[in-house]
Amino acid sequence: MVLELYLDLLSQPCRAVYLFAKKNNIPFEFRAVELFKGELNAPAFRLLCAGGEGGATAVKKVPVLRDEAFVLSEGTAILLYLSRKYNTPDHWYPSDVQKRAKVDEYLSWHQANIRANAPKAMWIKVLIPLFTGQPLPPEKLQEVMEGLSACLTQLEELFLQDKPFLVGSEVSLADLVAIVELMQPVGVGCDIFEGRPRLAKWRDRVEEAIGKELFLQAHQLILNIKQLSTIQIDPRLKEQLGPVLLKILK
């Protein structure tokens, strides 16, 4: 049975998994799960998340991996599973214990910093108007961008420093996870790399290491985010997410 990856490329962790699998020629079946169409609630996907000999996934969200009877969720866990099972080149997740620990260090820091801040520009500029019909308060976007800017400064000073990549001289899972997150604000017109030449050059190196054509193909939806206005959103999803997104306005 071919490995199956359940993905929506609007999702940052899904893009990381997709890019990693494609770049490393890992054979898989792409199973599209369109979040805005409410497909997380589709019976087949709910059944997948509820079972499997390897245990059910921890949560009902994408990405999800199915490898025969084994089912796994969480983007970072999937990336590590793929790197180990398919013995991908060492630079992605180094065998050297200290280099590997530095990748782990970034992945841990990422969740509470870049991951917690980078998506907010999309929430403010796209999702709140789309799901609630309410106008965007300009001061809220400024507040969000200031928080992200502080994280970007830490990213440069704590991790990138004067190195080509976040954990040394070659691209790693740390770079992959970081770049897909940072493309989110870029997609909604926030040039977070402007005025940060060191970070901009890092972005160029990561794109080159992944392959520019593959990189742009994976980010096509994000870079054409205005097309979201034409998507038919599941009314149940609007009902669920509308009040949550409105809280961001407060």
Protein backbone atom coordinates (compact mmCIF):
# COMPACT_ATOMS: atom_id res chain seq x y z
CA MET A 1 0.00 0.00 0.00
CA VAL A 2 1.38 3.41 -0.99
CA LEU A 3 1.92 5.96 1.75
CA GLU A 4 -0.99 8.43 1.96
CA LEU A 5 -0.70 12.08 2.99
CA TYR A 6 -3.89 13.97 3.83
CA LEU A 7 -3.14 17.63 3.16
CA ASP A 8 -4.48 21.09 2.46
CA LEU A 9 -1.71 23.31 1.08
CA LEU A 10 -3.27 26.37 2.71
CA SER A 11 -1.87 24.88 5.92
CA GLN A 12 1.74 25.64 6.78
CA PRO A 13 2.51 22.21 8.34
CA CYS A 14 0.93 20.54 5.32
CA ARG A 15 3.19 22.48 2.97
CA ALA A 16 6.26 21.47 4.97
CA VAL A 17 5.30 17.78 4.77
CA TYR A 18 4.47 18.06 1.07
CA LEU A 19 7.73 19.81 0.19
CA PHE A 20 9.81 17.37 2.23
CA ALA A 21 8.22 14.33 0.62
CA LYS A 22 8.48 15.76 -2.89
CA LYS A 23 12.06 16.98 -2.49
CA ASN A 24 13.17 13.58 -1.20
CA ASN A 25 11.29 11.57 -3.84
CA ILE A 26 9.19 9.80 -1.22
CA PRO A 27 6.32 8.05 -3.04
CA PHE A 28 2.91 9.03 -1.69
CA GLU A 29 -0.71 9.50 -2.62
CA PHE A 30 -1.92 13.06 -2.15
CA ARG A 31 -5.29 13.01 -0.37
CA ALA A 32 -6.76 16.52 -0.51
CA VAL A 33 -8.68 17.67 2.56
CA GLU A 34 -10.09 21.13 1.89
CA LEU A 35 -10.43 22.82 5.25
CA PHE A 36 -12.73 25.66 4.16
CA LYS A 37 -15.16 23.18 2.66
CA GLY A 38 -15.50 21.43 6.01
CA GLU A 39 -13.83 18.24 4.82
CA LEU A 40 -12.34 17.60 8.26
CA ASN A 41 -15.88 16.50 9.12
CA ALA A 42 -16.21 14.15 6.15
CA PRO A 43 -17.06 10.61 7.34
CA ALA A 44 -14.02 9.02 5.67
CA PHE A 45 -11.61 11.48 7.28
CA ARG A 46 -13.25 11.17 10.69
CA LEU A 47 -13.00 7.39 10.43
CA LEU A 48 -9.31 7.65 9.50
CA CYS A 49 -8.59 9.82 12.54
CA ALA A 50 -10.47 7.44 14.81
CA GLY A 51 -8.55 4.27 14.02
CA GLY A 52 -5.56 2.43 12.71
CA GLU A 53 -3.48 -0.26 14.36
CA GLY A 54 -0.91 2.38 15.24
CA GLY A 55 -3.55 4.22 17.25
CA ALA A 56 -5.86 7.08 16.33
CA THR A 57 -4.41 10.51 15.67
CA ALA A 58 -4.31 12.86 18.62
CA VAL A 59 -6.52 15.44 16.95
CA LYS A 60 -8.78 15.78 13.94
CA LYS A 61 -6.73 18.06 11.71
CA VAL A 62 -4.27 17.97 8.82
CA PRO A 63 -1.64 16.90 8.00
CA VAL A 64 -2.28 13.21 8.57
CA LEU A 65 -0.12 10.33 7.37
CA ARG A 66 -1.36 6.81 6.76
CA ASP A 67 1.24 4.11 6.21
CA GLU A 68 -0.76 0.91 5.81
CA ALA A 69 -2.45 0.51 9.21
CA PHE A 70 -0.32 3.17 10.91
CA VAL A 71 -1.87 6.64 11.28
CA LEU A 72 0.04 9.71 12.44
CA SER A 73 -0.83 13.39 12.89
CA GLU A 74 1.15 16.55 13.71
CA GLY A 75 3.43 18.06 11.07
CA THR A 76 6.70 17.79 12.99
CA ALA A 77 6.05 14.16 13.97
CA ILE A 78 5.31 13.31 10.33
CA LEU A 79 8.49 15.03 9.10
CA LEU A 80 10.59 13.08 11.60
CA TYR A 81 8.87 9.81 10.71
CA LEU A 82 9.52 10.33 7.01
CA SER A 83 13.14 11.31 7.57
CA ARG A 84 13.79 8.14 9.59
CA LYS A 85 11.81 5.68 7.54
CA TYR A 86 13.15 6.82 4.18
CA ASN A 87 16.69 7.55 5.38
CA THR A 88 16.68 11.00 3.82
CA PRO A 89 19.96 12.94 3.43
CA ASP A 90 21.57 13.60 6.79
CA HIS A 91 21.44 17.38 6.55
CA TRP A 92 17.66 17.38 7.01
CA TYR A 93 17.80 15.82 10.48
CA PRO A 94 21.47 15.18 11.31
CA SER A 95 22.69 11.95 12.85
CA ASP A 96 25.25 13.94 14.86
CA VAL A 97 23.63 14.21 18.27
CA GLN A 98 24.51 17.87 18.84
CA LYS A 99 23.48 19.04 15.36
CA ARG A 100 20.23 17.12 15.74
CA ALA A 101 19.66 18.75 19.11
CA LYS A 102 19.99 22.18 17.49
CA VAL A 103 17.29 21.25 14.96
CA ASP A 104 15.12 20.07 17.86
CA GLU A 105 15.83 23.32 19.69
CA TYR A 106 14.57 25.38 16.77
CA LEU A 107 11.49 23.20 16.24
CA SER A 108 10.57 23.66 19.91
CA TRP A 109 11.15 27.44 19.83
CA HIS A 110 9.25 27.77 16.57
CA GLN A 111 5.91 26.66 17.99
CA ALA A 112 5.62 29.41 20.58
CA ASN A 113 7.17 32.14 18.45
CA ILE A 114 7.08 32.07 14.63
CA ARG A 115 4.18 29.60 14.52
CA ALA A 116 2.25 31.65 17.08
CA ASN A 117 2.71 34.97 15.27
CA ALA A 118 3.25 34.56 11.51
CA PRO A 119 -0.29 33.33 10.66
CA LYS A 120 -1.98 36.29 12.35
CA ALA A 121 -1.50 38.59 9.37
CA MET A 122 -3.59 36.19 7.29
CA TRP A 123 -6.23 35.99 10.01
CA ILE A 124 -6.47 39.77 10.19
CA LYS A 125 -6.30 40.59 6.46
CA VAL A 126 -8.19 37.63 4.99
CA LEU A 127 -9.95 35.28 7.39
CA ILE A 128 -11.71 37.74 9.69
CA PRO A 129 -13.33 39.68 6.80
CA LEU A 130 -14.12 36.41 5.01
CA PHE A 131 -15.69 34.66 8.01
CA THR A 132 -17.29 37.60 9.80
CA GLY A 133 -17.80 40.35 7.20
CA GLN A 134 -16.35 42.85 9.66
CA PRO A 135 -13.80 45.49 8.59
CA LEU A 136 -10.17 45.27 9.59
CA PRO A 137 -8.96 47.67 12.30
CA PRO A 138 -5.63 49.03 10.95
CA GLU A 139 -4.18 49.28 14.46
CA LYS A 140 -4.70 45.56 15.00
CA LEU A 141 -2.61 44.67 11.96
CA GLN A 142 0.12 47.03 13.17
CA GLU A 143 0.10 45.30 16.57
CA VAL A 144 0.35 41.88 14.91
CA MET A 145 3.23 42.94 12.68
CA GLU A 146 5.13 44.40 15.61
CA GLY A 147 4.85 41.07 17.44
CA LEU A 148 6.05 39.19 14.37
CA SER A 149 8.92 41.64 13.88
CA ALA A 150 10.20 40.89 17.37
CA CYS A 151 10.14 37.16 16.57
CA LEU A 152 12.00 37.73 13.30
CA THR A 153 14.72 39.62 15.16
CA GLN A 154 15.10 36.66 17.50
CA LEU A 155 15.15 34.27 14.55
CA GLU A 156 18.06 36.20 13.05
CA GLU A 157 20.00 36.75 16.25
CA LEU A 158 19.43 33.45 18.06
CA PHE A 159 19.41 30.98 15.17
CA LEU A 160 20.52 32.33 11.80
CA GLN A 161 23.33 34.59 13.02
CA ASP A 162 26.02 34.53 10.30
CA LYS A 163 25.31 30.99 9.08
CA PRO A 164 23.87 30.12 5.65
CA PHE A 165 21.03 28.18 7.31
CA LEU A 166 19.46 28.04 10.76
CA VAL A 167 21.49 25.06 11.94
CA GLY A 168 24.69 25.31 9.94
CA SER A 169 25.90 25.15 6.36
CA GLU A 170 23.07 23.02 4.89
CA VAL A 171 19.30 23.20 4.81
CA SER A 172 17.50 21.28 7.55
CA LEU A 173 13.99 20.64 8.83
CA ALA A 174 14.39 23.82 10.89
CA ASP A 175 14.65 25.92 7.72
CA LEU A 176 11.78 24.11 6.03
CA VAL A 177 9.41 24.55 8.97
CA ALA A 178 10.39 28.21 9.33
CA ILE A 179 10.07 29.22 5.68
CA VAL A 180 6.59 27.78 5.10
CA GLU A 181 5.37 29.72 8.13
CA LEU A 182 6.92 32.98 6.96
CA MET A 183 5.34 32.70 3.52
CA GLN A 184 1.94 33.18 5.17
CA PRO A 185 2.28 36.95 5.77
CA VAL A 186 4.05 37.34 2.41
CA GLY A 187 0.98 35.85 0.73
CA VAL A 188 -1.26 38.59 2.14
CA GLY A 189 1.03 41.41 1.07
CA CYS A 190 3.20 41.88 4.17
CA ASP A 191 6.82 41.93 3.00
CA ILE A 192 8.42 40.76 6.22
CA PHE A 193 11.81 40.41 4.50
CA GLU A 194 12.03 44.10 3.57
CA GLY A 195 14.79 45.79 5.55
CA ARG A 196 16.16 42.42 6.65
CA PRO A 197 18.82 41.57 4.04
CA ARG A 198 20.28 38.72 6.08
CA LEU A 199 16.88 37.05 6.37
CA ALA A 200 16.06 37.74 2.71
CA LYS A 201 19.27 36.03 1.59
CA TRP A 202 18.43 33.07 3.85
CA ARG A 203 15.02 32.81 2.21
CA ASP A 204 16.66 32.75 -1.22
CA ARG A 205 19.05 29.99 -0.13
CA VAL A 206 16.20 27.89 1.29
CA GLU A 207 14.16 28.26 -1.91
CA GLU A 208 17.20 27.26 -3.96
CA ALA A 209 17.89 24.24 -1.74
CA ILE A 210 14.30 23.05 -2.06
CA GLY A 211 14.01 23.97 -5.74
CA LYS A 212 12.30 27.20 -6.76
CA GLU A 213 9.76 25.53 -9.03
CA LEU A 214 8.67 23.09 -6.34
CA PHE A 215 8.68 25.84 -3.72
CA LEU A 216 6.43 28.13 -5.76
CA GLN A 217 4.13 25.28 -6.73
CA ALA A 218 3.57 24.38 -3.06
CA HIS A 219 2.85 28.03 -2.21
CA GLN A 220 0.59 28.75 -5.17
CA LEU A 221 -2.54 28.97 -3.03
CA ILE A 222 -0.89 31.25 -0.48
CA LEU A 223 0.59 33.57 -3.11
CA ASN A 224 -2.86 33.87 -4.72
CA ILE A 225 -4.71 34.18 -1.45
CA LYS A 226 -7.29 36.65 -2.83
CA GLN A 227 -8.87 33.72 -4.62
CA LEU A 228 -10.17 32.58 -1.23
CA SER A 229 -13.00 35.08 -1.63
CA THR A 230 -14.45 32.85 -4.36
CA ILE A 231 -14.43 29.68 -2.25
CA GLN A 232 -17.73 28.36 -0.95
CA ILE A 233 -17.08 28.08 2.78
CA ASP A 234 -18.94 25.43 4.74
CA PRO A 235 -21.63 27.33 6.73
CA ARG A 236 -20.93 25.16 9.80
CA LEU A 237 -17.30 26.22 9.67
CA LYS A 238 -18.30 29.89 9.52
CA GLU A 239 -20.53 29.38 12.52
CA GLN A 240 -17.71 27.70 14.47
CA LEU A 241 -14.81 29.98 13.51
CA GLY A 242 -16.54 33.34 13.24
CA PRO A 243 -16.78 33.96 17.02
CA VAL A 244 -13.22 32.66 17.53
CA LEU A 245 -11.81 35.04 14.95
CA LEU A 246 -13.80 37.97 16.36
CA LYS A 247 -11.95 37.55 19.63
CA ILE A 248 -8.78 38.54 17.81
CA LEU A 249 -10.33 41.95 17.19
CA LYS A 250 -10.65 42.65 20.91
